Amino acid sequence: MEKALVLMGCAIGAGLALIAGIGPGIGEGYAAGKAVEAIGRQPEMKGPLTSTMMLGIACAETTGIYGFVTGLLLIFVAPGMFLGML
């Protein structure tokens, strides 16, 4: 019974952790759209805008990667650790 409860908790936690990928996707799309809009208004600023946008997108992507890694750890590592404690 305890094993099923641990596996259930890890699966639910992993699913919730993977929801963290939604935020970076929305943020990166918004940033790219605004950068394209700014480049359309001032084409001479393409270089600085592109590099700043890439830096911002890379920072936003780390949130999604952290959520993904947390989900993988909850699926593959945590059940063995918790079951070893029981």
PDB file of N, CA and C in Angstrom:
ATOM      1  N   MET A   1       0.823  -1.198   0.000  1.00  0.00           N
ATOM      2  CA  MET A   1       0.000   0.000   0.000  1.00  0.00           C
ATOM      3  C   MET A   1       0.863   1.256   0.000  1.00  0.00           C
ATOM      4  N   GLU A   2       1.945   1.238   0.812  1.00  0.00           N
ATOM      5  CA  GLU A   2       2.803   2.420   0.859  1.00  0.00           C
ATOM      6  C   GLU A   2       3.497   2.656  -0.477  1.00  0.00           C
ATOM      7  N   LYS A   3       3.865   1.556  -1.161  1.00  0.00           N
ATOM      8  CA  LYS A   3       4.550   1.691  -2.453  1.00  0.00           C
ATOM      9  C   LYS A   3       3.640   2.384  -3.464  1.00  0.00           C
ATOM     10  N   ALA A   4       2.376   1.996  -3.500  1.00  0.00           N
ATOM     11  CA  ALA A   4       1.438   2.619  -4.436  1.00  0.00           C
ATOM     12  C   ALA A   4       1.245   4.093  -4.110  1.00  0.00           C
ATOM     13  N   LEU A   5       1.209   4.427  -2.836  1.00  0.00           N
ATOM     14  CA  LEU A   5       1.035   5.821  -2.426  1.00  0.00           C
ATOM     15  C   LEU A   5       2.247   6.665  -2.825  1.00  0.00           C
ATOM     16  N   VAL A   6       3.442   6.115  -2.650  1.00  0.00           N
ATOM     17  CA  VAL A   6       4.664   6.835  -3.032  1.00  0.00           C
ATOM     18  C   VAL A   6       4.705   7.039  -4.538  1.00  0.00           C
ATOM     19  N   LEU A   7       4.399   5.995  -5.297  1.00  0.00           N
ATOM     20  CA  LEU A   7       4.414   6.116  -6.758  1.00  0.00           C
ATOM     21  C   LEU A   7       3.361   7.105  -7.244  1.00  0.00           C
ATOM     22  N   MET A   8       2.201   7.108  -6.619  1.00  0.00           N
ATOM     23  CA  MET A   8       1.154   8.043  -6.987  1.00  0.00           C
ATOM     24  C   MET A   8       1.594   9.483  -6.711  1.00  0.00           C
ATOM     25  N   GLY A   9       2.170   9.708  -5.548  1.00  0.00           N
ATOM     26  CA  GLY A   9       2.631  11.050  -5.208  1.00  0.00           C
ATOM     27  C   GLY A   9       3.725  11.543  -6.143  1.00  0.00           C
ATOM     28  N   CYS A  10       4.640  10.655  -6.500  1.00  0.00           N
ATOM     29  CA  CYS A  10       5.711  11.038  -7.424  1.00  0.00           C
ATOM     30  C   CYS A  10       5.157  11.346  -8.812  1.00  0.00           C
ATOM     31  N   ALA A  11       4.181  10.559  -9.265  1.00  0.00           N
ATOM     32  CA  ALA A  11       3.601  10.800 -10.583  1.00  0.00           C
ATOM     33  C   ALA A  11       2.843  12.121 -10.618  1.00  0.00           C
ATOM     34  N   ILE A  12       2.082  12.401  -9.576  1.00  0.00           N
ATOM     35  CA  ILE A  12       1.346  13.674  -9.527  1.00  0.00           C
ATOM     36  C   ILE A  12       2.325  14.844  -9.451  1.00  0.00           C
ATOM     37  N   GLY A  13       3.361  14.708  -8.627  1.00  0.00           N
ATOM     38  CA  GLY A  13       4.361  15.774  -8.522  1.00  0.00           C
ATOM     39  C   GLY A  13       5.090  16.012  -9.832  1.00  0.00           C
ATOM     40  N   ALA A  14       5.401  14.930 -10.551  1.00  0.00           N
ATOM     41  CA  ALA A  14       6.082  15.086 -11.843  1.00  0.00           C
ATOM     42  C   ALA A  14       5.183  15.788 -12.842  1.00  0.00           C
ATOM     43  N   GLY A  15       3.906  15.445 -12.847  1.00  0.00           N
ATOM     44  CA  GLY A  15       2.979  16.122 -13.744  1.00  0.00           C
ATOM     45  C   GLY A  15       2.863  17.602 -13.441  1.00  0.00           C
ATOM     46  N   LEU A  16       2.808  17.942 -12.168  1.00  0.00           N
ATOM     47  CA  LEU A  16       2.736  19.354 -11.788  1.00  0.00           C
ATOM     48  C   LEU A  16       4.032  20.090 -12.120  1.00  0.00           C
ATOM     49  N   ALA A  17       5.168  19.398 -11.977  1.00  0.00           N
ATOM     50  CA  ALA A  17       6.449  20.037 -12.286  1.00  0.00           C
ATOM     51  C   ALA A  17       6.564  20.329 -13.778  1.00  0.00           C
ATOM     52  N   LEU A  18       6.005  19.474 -14.612  1.00  0.00           N
ATOM     53  CA  LEU A  18       6.106  19.692 -16.053  1.00  0.00           C
ATOM     54  C   LEU A  18       5.184  20.796 -16.556  1.00  0.00           C
ATOM     55  N   ILE A  19       4.250  21.221 -15.724  1.00  0.00           N
ATOM     56  CA  ILE A  19       3.420  22.377 -16.093  1.00  0.00           C
ATOM     57  C   ILE A  19       4.292  23.635 -16.165  1.00  0.00           C
ATOM     58  N   ALA A  20       5.455  23.599 -15.547  1.00  0.00           N
ATOM     59  CA  ALA A  20       6.356  24.759 -15.572  1.00  0.00           C
ATOM     60  C   ALA A  20       6.823  25.093 -16.983  1.00  0.00           C
ATOM     61  N   GLY A  21       6.632  24.210 -17.940  1.00  0.00           N
ATOM     62  CA  GLY A  21       7.022  24.497 -19.320  1.00  0.00           C
ATOM     63  C   GLY A  21       6.091  25.450 -20.030  1.00  0.00           C
ATOM     64  N   ILE A  22       4.908  25.689 -19.477  1.00  0.00           N
ATOM     65  CA  ILE A  22       3.945  26.576 -20.131  1.00  0.00           C
ATOM     66  C   ILE A  22       4.395  28.038 -20.055  1.00  0.00           C
ATOM     67  N   GLY A  23       4.876  28.447 -18.896  1.00  0.00           N
ATOM     68  CA  GLY A  23       5.283  29.845 -18.702  1.00  0.00           C
ATOM     69  C   GLY A  23       6.394  30.295 -19.635  1.00  0.00           C
ATOM     70  N   PRO A  24       7.497  29.553 -19.716  1.00  0.00           N
ATOM     71  CA  PRO A  24       8.555  29.977 -20.637  1.00  0.00           C
ATOM     72  C   PRO A  24       8.108  30.008 -22.092  1.00  0.00           C
ATOM     73  N   GLY A  25       7.236  29.074 -22.477  1.00  0.00           N
ATOM     74  CA  GLY A  25       6.754  29.082 -23.858  1.00  0.00           C
ATOM     75  C   GLY A  25       5.979  30.346 -24.188  1.00  0.00           C
ATOM     76  N   ILE A  26       5.118  30.749 -23.275  1.00  0.00           N
ATOM     77  CA  ILE A  26       4.342  31.976 -23.485  1.00  0.00           C
ATOM     78  C   ILE A  26       5.260  33.195 -23.466  1.00  0.00           C
ATOM     79  N   GLY A  27       6.179  33.233 -22.508  1.00  0.00           N
ATOM     80  CA  GLY A  27       7.083  34.374 -22.393  1.00  0.00           C
ATOM     81  C   GLY A  27       8.022  34.517 -23.575  1.00  0.00           C
ATOM     82  N   GLU A  28       8.539  33.398 -24.052  1.00  0.00           N
ATOM     83  CA  GLU A  28       9.451  33.463 -25.199  1.00  0.00           C
ATOM     84  C   GLU A  28       8.721  33.900 -26.464  1.00  0.00           C
ATOM     85  N   GLY A  29       7.509  33.407 -26.645  1.00  0.00           N
ATOM     86  CA  GLY A  29       6.723  33.839 -27.807  1.00  0.00           C
ATOM     87  C   GLY A  29       6.408  35.319 -27.760  1.00  0.00           C
ATOM     88  N   TYR A  30       6.067  35.794 -26.580  1.00  0.00           N
ATOM     89  CA  TYR A  30       5.776  37.221 -26.411  1.00  0.00           C
ATOM     90  C   TYR A  30       7.016  38.065 -26.695  1.00  0.00           C
ATOM     91  N   ALA A  31       8.176  37.643 -26.163  1.00  0.00           N
ATOM     92  CA  ALA A  31       9.418  38.394 -26.366  1.00  0.00           C
ATOM     93  C   ALA A  31       9.816  38.409 -27.842  1.00  0.00           C
ATOM     94  N   ALA A  32       9.693  37.268 -28.505  1.00  0.00           N
ATOM     95  CA  ALA A  32      10.051  37.217 -29.921  1.00  0.00           C
ATOM     96  C   ALA A  32       9.116  38.099 -30.751  1.00  0.00           C
ATOM     97  N   GLY A  33       7.836  38.077 -30.419  1.00  0.00           N
ATOM     98  CA  GLY A  33       6.883  38.916 -31.143  1.00  0.00           C
ATOM     99  C   GLY A  33       7.169  40.403 -30.987  1.00  0.00           C
ATOM    100  N   LYS A  34       7.479  40.794 -29.768  1.00  0.00           N
ATOM    101  CA  LYS A  34       7.796  42.206 -29.531  1.00  0.00           C
ATOM    102  C   LYS A  34       9.113  42.603 -30.210  1.00  0.00           C
ATOM    103  N   ALA A  35      10.075  41.681 -30.249  1.00  0.00           N
ATOM    104  CA  ALA A  35      11.341  41.989 -30.926  1.00  0.00           C
ATOM    105  C   ALA A  35      11.120  42.166 -32.425  1.00  0.00           C
ATOM    106  N   VAL A  36      10.312  41.316 -33.024  1.00  0.00           N
ATOM    107  CA  VAL A  36      10.012  41.452 -34.453  1.00  0.00           C
ATOM    108  C   VAL A  36       9.284  42.767 -34.719  1.00  0.00           C
ATOM    109  N   GLU A  37       8.381  43.113 -33.828  1.00  0.00           N
ATOM    110  CA  GLU A  37       7.666  44.382 -33.953  1.00  0.00           C
ATOM    111  C   GLU A  37       8.635  45.559 -33.866  1.00  0.00           C
ATOM    112  N   ALA A  38       9.581  45.512 -32.939  1.00  0.00           N
ATOM    113  CA  ALA A  38      10.556  46.599 -32.788  1.00  0.00           C
ATOM    114  C   ALA A  38      11.495  46.671 -33.985  1.00  0.00           C
ATOM    115  N   ILE A  39      11.891  45.511 -34.513  1.00  0.00           N
ATOM    116  CA  ILE A  39      12.767  45.507 -35.696  1.00  0.00           C
ATOM    117  C   ILE A  39      12.010  46.064 -36.903  1.00  0.00           C
ATOM    118  N   GLY A  40      10.707  45.795 -36.980  1.00  0.00           N
ATOM    119  CA  GLY A  40       9.910  46.354 -38.069  1.00  0.00           C
ATOM    120  C   GLY A  40       9.836  47.869 -38.006  1.00  0.00           C
ATOM    121  N   ARG A  41       9.858  48.412 -36.794  1.00  0.00           N
ATOM    122  CA  ARG A  41       9.803  49.871 -36.645  1.00  0.00           C
ATOM    123  C   ARG A  41      11.161  50.524 -36.857  1.00  0.00           C
ATOM    124  N   GLN A  42      12.231  49.875 -36.365  1.00  0.00           N
ATOM    125  CA  GLN A  42      13.579  50.422 -36.510  1.00  0.00           C
ATOM    126  C   GLN A  42      14.523  49.312 -36.980  1.00  0.00           C
ATOM    127  N   PRO A  43      14.613  49.093 -38.279  1.00  0.00           N
ATOM    128  CA  PRO A  43      15.439  47.993 -38.802  1.00  0.00           C
ATOM    129  C   PRO A  43      16.929  48.121 -38.461  1.00  0.00           C
ATOM    130  N   GLU A  44      17.400  49.333 -38.229  1.00  0.00           N
ATOM    131  CA  GLU A  44      18.821  49.514 -37.913  1.00  0.00           C
ATOM    132  C   GLU A  44      19.189  48.969 -36.537  1.00  0.00           C
ATOM    133  N   MET A  45      18.221  48.696 -35.693  1.00  0.00           N
ATOM    134  CA  MET A  45      18.468  48.167 -34.344  1.00  0.00           C
ATOM    135  C   MET A  45      18.382  46.635 -34.284  1.00  0.00           C
ATOM    136  N   LYS A  46      18.461  45.992 -35.436  1.00  0.00           N
ATOM    137  CA  LYS A  46      18.290  44.536 -35.485  1.00  0.00           C
ATOM    138  C   LYS A  46      19.318  43.797 -34.635  1.00  0.00           C
ATOM    139  N   GLY A  47      20.571  44.186 -34.712  1.00  0.00           N
ATOM    140  CA  GLY A  47      21.633  43.498 -33.969  1.00  0.00           C
ATOM    141  C   GLY A  47      21.454  43.556 -32.458  1.00  0.00           C
ATOM    142  N   PRO A  48      21.344  44.765 -31.891  1.00  0.00           N
ATOM    143  CA  PRO A  48      21.163  44.852 -30.433  1.00  0.00           C
ATOM    144  C   PRO A  48      19.864  44.215 -29.945  1.00  0.00           C
ATOM    145  N   LEU A  49      18.789  44.368 -30.711  1.00  0.00           N
ATOM    146  CA  LEU A  49      17.518  43.773 -30.295  1.00  0.00           C
ATOM    147  C   LEU A  49      17.581  42.245 -30.313  1.00  0.00           C
ATOM    148  N   THR A  50      18.216  41.698 -31.335  1.00  0.00           N
ATOM    149  CA  THR A  50      18.296  40.242 -31.439  1.00  0.00           C
ATOM    150  C   THR A  50      19.134  39.659 -30.309  1.00  0.00           C
ATOM    151  N   SER A  51      20.258  40.278 -30.006  1.00  0.00           N
ATOM    152  CA  SER A  51      21.105  39.735 -28.940  1.00  0.00           C
ATOM    153  C   SER A  51      20.434  39.862 -27.573  1.00  0.00           C
ATOM    154  N   THR A  52      19.756  40.972 -27.330  1.00  0.00           N
ATOM    155  CA  THR A  52      19.040  41.135 -26.061  1.00  0.00           C
ATOM    156  C   THR A  52      17.882  40.148 -25.956  1.00  0.00           C
ATOM    157  N   MET A  53      17.173  39.927 -27.072  1.00  0.00           N
ATOM    158  CA  MET A  53      16.068  38.978 -27.068  1.00  0.00           C
ATOM    159  C   MET A  53      16.581  37.565 -26.788  1.00  0.00           C
ATOM    160  N   MET A  54      17.682  37.172 -27.407  1.00  0.00           N
ATOM    161  CA  MET A  54      18.237  35.829 -27.191  1.00  0.00           C
ATOM    162  C   MET A  54      18.654  35.635 -25.734  1.00  0.00           C
ATOM    163  N   LEU A  55      19.227  36.649 -25.126  1.00  0.00           N
ATOM    164  CA  LEU A  55      19.613  36.559 -23.714  1.00  0.00           C
ATOM    165  C   LEU A  55      18.378  36.401 -22.833  1.00  0.00           C
ATOM    166  N   GLY A  56      17.348  37.164 -23.110  1.00  0.00           N
ATOM    167  CA  GLY A  56      16.112  37.055 -22.340  1.00  0.00           C
ATOM    168  C   GLY A  56      15.431  35.706 -22.520  1.00  0.00           C
ATOM    169  N   ILE A  57      15.421  35.195 -23.734  1.00  0.00           N
ATOM    170  CA  ILE A  57      14.811  33.889 -23.993  1.00  0.00           C
ATOM    171  C   ILE A  57      15.594  32.786 -23.290  1.00  0.00           C
ATOM    172  N   ALA A  58      16.918  32.890 -23.280  1.00  0.00           N
ATOM    173  CA  ALA A  58      17.735  31.877 -22.594  1.00  0.00           C
ATOM    174  C   ALA A  58      17.461  31.888 -21.090  1.00  0.00           C
ATOM    175  N   CYS A  59      17.311  33.075 -20.516  1.00  0.00           N
ATOM    176  CA  CYS A  59      16.991  33.153 -19.083  1.00  0.00           C
ATOM    177  C   CYS A  59      15.610  32.592 -18.793  1.00  0.00           C
ATOM    178  N   ALA A  60      14.644  32.850 -19.664  1.00  0.00           N
ATOM    179  CA  ALA A  60      13.293  32.338 -19.456  1.00  0.00           C
ATOM    180  C   ALA A  60      13.250  30.822 -19.614  1.00  0.00           C
ATOM    181  N   GLU A  61      14.071  30.285 -20.495  1.00  0.00           N
ATOM    182  CA  GLU A  61      14.056  28.838 -20.753  1.00  0.00           C
ATOM    183  C   GLU A  61      14.563  28.044 -19.556  1.00  0.00           C
ATOM    184  N   THR A  62      15.387  28.647 -18.715  1.00  0.00           N
ATOM    185  CA  THR A  62      15.903  27.909 -17.560  1.00  0.00           C
ATOM    186  C   THR A  62      14.777  27.464 -16.634  1.00  0.00           C
ATOM    187  N   THR A  63      13.706  28.232 -16.544  1.00  0.00           N
ATOM    188  CA  THR A  63      12.572  27.832 -15.708  1.00  0.00           C
ATOM    189  C   THR A  63      11.961  26.534 -16.212  1.00  0.00           C
ATOM    190  N   GLY A  64      11.759  26.430 -17.507  1.00  0.00           N
ATOM    191  CA  GLY A  64      11.215  25.210 -18.085  1.00  0.00           C
ATOM    192  C   GLY A  64      12.149  24.022 -17.916  1.00  0.00           C
ATOM    193  N   ILE A  65      13.447  24.263 -18.041  1.00  0.00           N
ATOM    194  CA  ILE A  65      14.419  23.176 -17.881  1.00  0.00           C
ATOM    195  C   ILE A  65      14.435  22.691 -16.438  1.00  0.00           C
ATOM    196  N   TYR A  66      14.359  23.615 -15.480  1.00  0.00           N
ATOM    197  CA  TYR A  66      14.300  23.206 -14.072  1.00  0.00           C
ATOM    198  C   TYR A  66      13.066  22.353 -13.794  1.00  0.00           C
ATOM    199  N   GLY A  67      11.937  22.732 -14.340  1.00  0.00           N
ATOM    200  CA  GLY A  67      10.721  21.946 -14.165  1.00  0.00           C
ATOM    201  C   GLY A  67      10.840  20.569 -14.794  1.00  0.00           C
ATOM    202  N   PHE A  68      11.457  20.494 -15.974  1.00  0.00           N
ATOM    203  CA  PHE A  68      11.648  19.223 -16.660  1.00  0.00           C
ATOM    204  C   PHE A  68      12.558  18.297 -15.867  1.00  0.00           C
ATOM    205  N   VAL A  69      13.653  18.840 -15.370  1.00  0.00           N
ATOM    206  CA  VAL A  69      14.587  18.035 -14.572  1.00  0.00           C
ATOM    207  C   VAL A  69      13.921  17.574 -13.277  1.00  0.00           C
ATOM    208  N   THR A  70      13.154  18.441 -12.658  1.00  0.00           N
ATOM    209  CA  THR A  70      12.434  18.052 -11.438  1.00  0.00           C
ATOM    210  C   THR A  70      11.458  16.921 -11.727  1.00  0.00           C
ATOM    211  N   GLY A  71      10.734  17.014 -12.840  1.00  0.00           N
ATOM    212  CA  GLY A  71       9.818  15.947 -13.220  1.00  0.00           C
ATOM    213  C   GLY A  71      10.534  14.626 -13.460  1.00  0.00           C
ATOM    214  N   LEU A  72      11.670  14.674 -14.151  1.00  0.00           N
ATOM    215  CA  LEU A  72      12.441  13.443 -14.384  1.00  0.00           C
ATOM    216  C   LEU A  72      12.948  12.839 -13.081  1.00  0.00           C
ATOM    217  N   LEU A  73      13.410  13.680 -12.184  1.00  0.00           N
ATOM    218  CA  LEU A  73      13.876  13.176 -10.893  1.00  0.00           C
ATOM    219  C   LEU A  73      12.738  12.545 -10.093  1.00  0.00           C
ATOM    220  N   LEU A  74      11.568  13.151 -10.156  1.00  0.00           N
ATOM    221  CA  LEU A  74      10.430  12.581  -9.433  1.00  0.00           C
ATOM    222  C   LEU A  74       9.980  11.252 -10.023  1.00  0.00           C
ATOM    223  N   ILE A  75      10.145  11.085 -11.321  1.00  0.00           N
ATOM    224  CA  ILE A  75       9.722   9.840 -11.953  1.00  0.00           C
ATOM    225  C   ILE A  75      10.738   8.722 -11.732  1.00  0.00           C
ATOM    226  N   PHE A  76      12.024   9.021 -11.900  1.00  0.00           N
ATOM    227  CA  PHE A  76      13.029   7.959 -11.927  1.00  0.00           C
ATOM    228  C   PHE A  76      13.841   7.807 -10.645  1.00  0.00           C
ATOM    229  N   VAL A  77      14.064   8.867  -9.903  1.00  0.00           N
ATOM    230  CA  VAL A  77      14.957   8.803  -8.743  1.00  0.00           C
ATOM    231  C   VAL A  77      14.194   8.755  -7.427  1.00  0.00           C
ATOM    232  N   ALA A  78      13.215   9.629  -7.272  1.00  0.00           N
ATOM    233  CA  ALA A  78      12.533   9.773  -5.991  1.00  0.00           C
ATOM    234  C   ALA A  78      11.813   8.511  -5.511  1.00  0.00           C
ATOM    235  N   PRO A  79      11.131   7.741  -6.381  1.00  0.00           N
ATOM    236  CA  PRO A  79      10.446   6.555  -5.847  1.00  0.00           C
ATOM    237  C   PRO A  79      11.391   5.583  -5.155  1.00  0.00           C
ATOM    238  N   GLY A  80      12.565   5.363  -5.718  1.00  0.00           N
ATOM    239  CA  GLY A  80      13.537   4.466  -5.092  1.00  0.00           C
ATOM    240  C   GLY A  80      14.033   4.998  -3.763  1.00  0.00           C
ATOM    241  N   MET A  81      14.226   6.311  -3.678  1.00  0.00           N
ATOM    242  CA  MET A  81      14.687   6.914  -2.437  1.00  0.00           C
ATOM    243  C   MET A  81      13.623   6.807  -1.358  1.00  0.00           C
ATOM    244  N   PHE A  82      12.372   7.119  -1.720  1.00  0.00           N
ATOM    245  CA  PHE A  82      11.299   7.074  -0.725  1.00  0.00           C
ATOM    246  C   PHE A  82      10.981   5.660  -0.304  1.00  0.00           C
ATOM    247  N   LEU A  83      11.014   4.738  -1.249  1.00  0.00           N
ATOM    248  CA  LEU A  83      10.722   3.343  -0.891  1.00  0.00           C
ATOM    249  C   LEU A  83      11.830   2.751  -0.040  1.00  0.00           C
ATOM    250  N   GLY A  84      13.055   3.244  -0.216  1.00  0.00           N
ATOM    251  CA  GLY A  84      14.151   2.784   0.628  1.00  0.00           C
ATOM    252  C   GLY A  84      14.010   3.238   2.061  1.00  0.00           C
ATOM    253  N   MET A  85      13.300   4.336   2.285  1.00  0.00           N
ATOM    254  CA  MET A  85      13.090   4.838   3.650  1.00  0.00           C
ATOM    255  C   MET A  85      11.997   4.088   4.390  1.00  0.00           C
ATOM    256  N   LEU A  86      11.092   3.454   3.651  1.00  0.00           N
ATOM    257  CA  LEU A  86       9.971   2.758   4.300  1.00  0.00           C
ATOM    258  C   LEU A  86      10.403   1.470   4.973  1.00  0.00           C
TER     259      LEU A  86
END
